[in-house]
């Protein structure tokens, strides 16, 4: 089965929301109560949020699609919203890099990441930021290999649960 990457538009909001929900459940669903999981899915992955971000808030997404046109994953980047004192106006954030398990370990995550990082390099003034779950050691190693370093942490709400998230940063200028 072949796959391809294409830039998403606001018309893809439903597909982005659906694959977000499915991959979050597939990867992390077992960690939360049904109530916390439902709250998070409804709050974080509403199609309207994707539509607004892509239409009005300067966000960009890239879809990974298979031969049948099904979305297998995506990268989503936009204005940085991480709670860190070092965030400057115009800094950008890789907000999500999600892949279905069936699309993992084939290099597609790296390809999506490089699409997003290239766009952020061209459009951001000083730094690229990433929030990553403290227990996602594979993602942490991946980002470190690409020059990102841990600069902070915060608690991310998933319903009543609070996940420890690490904040990673890569400078685009000499510090």
Protein backbone atom coordinates (compact mmCIF):
# COMPACT_ATOMS: atom_id res chain seq x y z
CA UNK A 1 0.00 0.00 0.00
CA UNK A 2 1.39 3.37 -0.93
CA UNK A 3 0.93 6.54 1.04
CA UNK A 4 1.27 10.22 0.28
CA UNK A 5 1.45 13.46 2.19
CA UNK A 6 -0.54 16.52 1.27
CA UNK A 7 -1.22 19.85 2.89
CA UNK A 8 -4.56 19.98 4.69
CA UNK A 9 -7.19 22.68 4.44
CA UNK A 10 -10.08 23.69 6.67
CA UNK A 11 -12.22 21.29 4.60
CA UNK A 12 -10.20 18.47 6.22
CA UNK A 13 -11.29 19.42 9.77
CA UNK A 14 -13.58 16.41 10.18
CA UNK A 15 -10.86 14.00 9.03
CA UNK A 16 -8.29 15.63 11.35
CA UNK A 17 -10.69 15.36 14.29
CA UNK A 18 -11.51 11.73 13.52
CA UNK A 19 -7.91 10.53 13.21
CA UNK A 20 -7.00 12.55 16.32
CA UNK A 21 -9.64 10.84 18.38
CA UNK A 22 -8.84 7.39 17.01
CA UNK A 23 -5.07 7.64 17.46
CA UNK A 24 -5.38 9.16 20.93
CA UNK A 25 -7.66 6.31 22.03
CA UNK A 26 -5.41 3.73 20.36
CA UNK A 27 -2.29 5.08 22.08
CA UNK A 28 -3.43 6.60 25.37
CA UNK A 29 -7.06 5.61 25.95
CA UNK A 30 -6.20 2.96 28.55
CA UNK A 31 -4.64 5.62 30.82
CA UNK A 32 -7.82 7.52 31.64
CA UNK A 33 -11.26 7.06 33.11
CA UNK A 34 -14.04 6.98 30.49
CA UNK A 35 -15.21 10.41 31.73
CA UNK A 36 -11.76 12.01 31.45
CA UNK A 37 -11.20 10.46 28.04
CA UNK A 38 -14.57 11.64 26.71
CA UNK A 39 -13.95 15.17 28.03
CA UNK A 40 -10.54 15.34 26.38
CA UNK A 41 -11.70 13.97 23.04
CA UNK A 42 -14.60 16.43 22.90
CA UNK A 43 -12.49 19.37 24.08
CA UNK A 44 -9.22 18.87 22.21
CA UNK A 45 -10.39 17.33 18.94
CA UNK A 46 -13.54 19.18 17.95
CA UNK A 47 -13.68 19.67 14.17
CA UNK A 48 -14.46 23.37 14.66
CA UNK A 49 -11.15 23.86 16.46
CA UNK A 50 -9.25 22.49 13.47
CA UNK A 51 -11.33 24.55 11.04
CA UNK A 52 -10.74 27.76 13.02
CA UNK A 53 -7.03 27.07 13.44
CA UNK A 54 -6.52 26.39 9.73
CA UNK A 55 -8.78 29.23 8.55
CA UNK A 56 -8.00 32.00 11.02
CA UNK A 57 -5.20 31.26 13.44
CA UNK A 58 -2.20 30.67 11.19
CA UNK A 59 -2.00 26.91 11.73
CA UNK A 60 -1.00 24.40 9.07
CA UNK A 61 -1.47 20.64 8.82
CA UNK A 62 -0.21 17.85 6.57
CA UNK A 63 -2.17 14.65 6.08
CA UNK A 64 -0.76 11.20 5.46
CA UNK A 65 -3.24 9.34 3.26
CA UNK A 66 -3.28 5.80 1.93
CA UNK A 67 -4.36 4.58 -1.53
CA UNK A 68 -7.99 4.47 -0.43
CA UNK A 69 -7.90 8.10 0.69
CA UNK A 70 -8.02 7.24 4.41
CA UNK A 71 -6.02 9.48 6.72
CA UNK A 72 -3.29 7.50 8.47
CA UNK A 73 -1.77 10.39 10.38
CA UNK A 74 -0.91 14.06 10.34
CA UNK A 75 1.34 16.82 11.56
CA UNK A 76 -0.20 20.03 12.90
CA UNK A 77 1.75 23.23 13.56
CA UNK A 78 0.88 26.80 14.45
CA UNK A 79 1.41 29.67 16.86
CA UNK A 80 3.04 28.50 20.08
CA UNK A 81 0.64 28.14 22.99
CA UNK A 82 2.95 26.42 25.45
CA UNK A 83 3.23 27.91 28.96
CA UNK A 84 6.89 28.96 28.93
CA UNK A 85 8.41 32.39 29.65
CA UNK A 86 10.78 32.02 26.70
CA UNK A 87 8.02 31.91 24.08
CA UNK A 88 8.30 34.99 21.86
CA UNK A 89 5.59 36.49 19.65
CA UNK A 90 5.58 34.64 16.37
CA UNK A 91 7.24 31.48 17.71
CA UNK A 92 5.72 28.31 16.32
CA UNK A 93 4.85 24.96 17.85
CA UNK A 94 4.52 21.45 16.53
CA UNK A 95 1.18 20.88 18.19
CA UNK A 96 0.57 17.31 17.07
CA UNK A 97 2.30 14.53 15.21
CA UNK A 98 -0.14 11.62 15.19
CA UNK A 99 0.10 8.34 13.31
CA UNK A 100 -2.07 5.27 13.41
CA UNK A 101 -0.13 2.30 14.75
CA UNK A 102 -0.37 0.63 11.33
CA UNK A 103 1.53 3.57 9.78
CA UNK A 104 4.30 3.69 12.39
CA UNK A 105 7.89 2.52 11.93
CA UNK A 106 7.91 3.17 8.19
CA UNK A 107 9.49 6.62 8.26
CA UNK A 108 6.19 8.43 7.74
CA UNK A 109 6.31 10.20 11.10
CA UNK A 110 9.72 11.62 10.23
CA UNK A 111 8.46 12.73 6.81
CA UNK A 112 5.46 14.50 8.36
CA UNK A 113 7.72 16.04 11.00
CA UNK A 114 10.14 17.37 8.39
CA UNK A 115 7.27 18.93 6.41
CA UNK A 116 6.11 20.74 9.53
CA UNK A 117 9.59 21.70 10.68
CA UNK A 118 10.49 23.09 7.26
CA UNK A 119 7.35 25.25 7.28
CA UNK A 120 8.06 26.45 10.84
CA UNK A 121 11.67 27.34 9.94
CA UNK A 122 10.43 29.48 7.05
CA UNK A 123 7.67 31.17 9.06
CA UNK A 124 8.92 31.49 12.64
CA UNK A 125 11.24 34.17 13.92
CA UNK A 126 13.16 32.60 16.78
CA UNK A 127 12.25 29.11 17.95
CA UNK A 128 10.22 25.99 17.38
CA UNK A 129 8.49 24.49 20.41
CA UNK A 130 7.08 21.03 21.11
CA UNK A 131 5.13 19.64 24.06
CA UNK A 132 5.65 15.92 24.64
CA UNK A 133 4.25 13.58 27.28
CA UNK A 134 6.85 12.79 29.93
CA UNK A 135 6.38 9.04 29.41
CA UNK A 136 6.74 9.15 25.62
CA UNK A 137 10.43 8.28 25.58
CA UNK A 138 10.49 7.41 21.88
CA UNK A 139 9.22 10.87 20.92
CA UNK A 140 11.70 12.50 23.29
CA UNK A 141 14.59 10.62 21.64
CA UNK A 142 13.25 11.51 18.19
CA UNK A 143 13.08 15.23 18.99
CA UNK A 144 16.52 15.19 20.64
CA UNK A 145 17.98 13.64 17.45
CA UNK A 146 16.52 16.59 15.56
CA UNK A 147 18.19 19.17 17.82
CA UNK A 148 15.42 19.88 20.34
CA UNK A 149 16.23 20.19 24.02
CA UNK A 150 14.03 20.04 27.10
CA UNK A 151 13.49 23.53 28.55
CA UNK A 152 10.53 23.08 30.88
CA UNK A 153 7.48 21.13 31.91
CA UNK A 154 3.83 21.68 32.73
CA UNK A 155 0.65 19.79 33.58
CA UNK A 156 -1.66 19.05 30.68
CA UNK A 157 -5.34 18.44 31.53
CA UNK A 158 -7.11 15.34 30.30
CA UNK A 159 -10.42 15.77 32.09
CA UNK A 160 -9.64 15.64 35.80
CA UNK A 161 -6.29 13.92 35.14
CA UNK A 162 -3.11 15.97 34.79
CA UNK A 163 -0.30 14.62 32.63
CA UNK A 164 3.26 15.80 33.07
CA UNK A 165 4.37 17.23 29.74
CA UNK A 166 7.89 18.25 28.80
CA UNK A 167 8.52 21.37 26.75
CA UNK A 168 11.15 21.05 24.04
CA UNK A 169 12.66 23.93 22.08
CA UNK A 170 14.93 24.41 19.09
CA UNK A 171 16.37 27.84 18.44
CA UNK A 172 16.34 29.16 14.89
CA UNK A 173 18.80 31.90 15.78
CA UNK A 174 22.06 32.02 17.69
CA UNK A 175 21.19 32.45 21.37
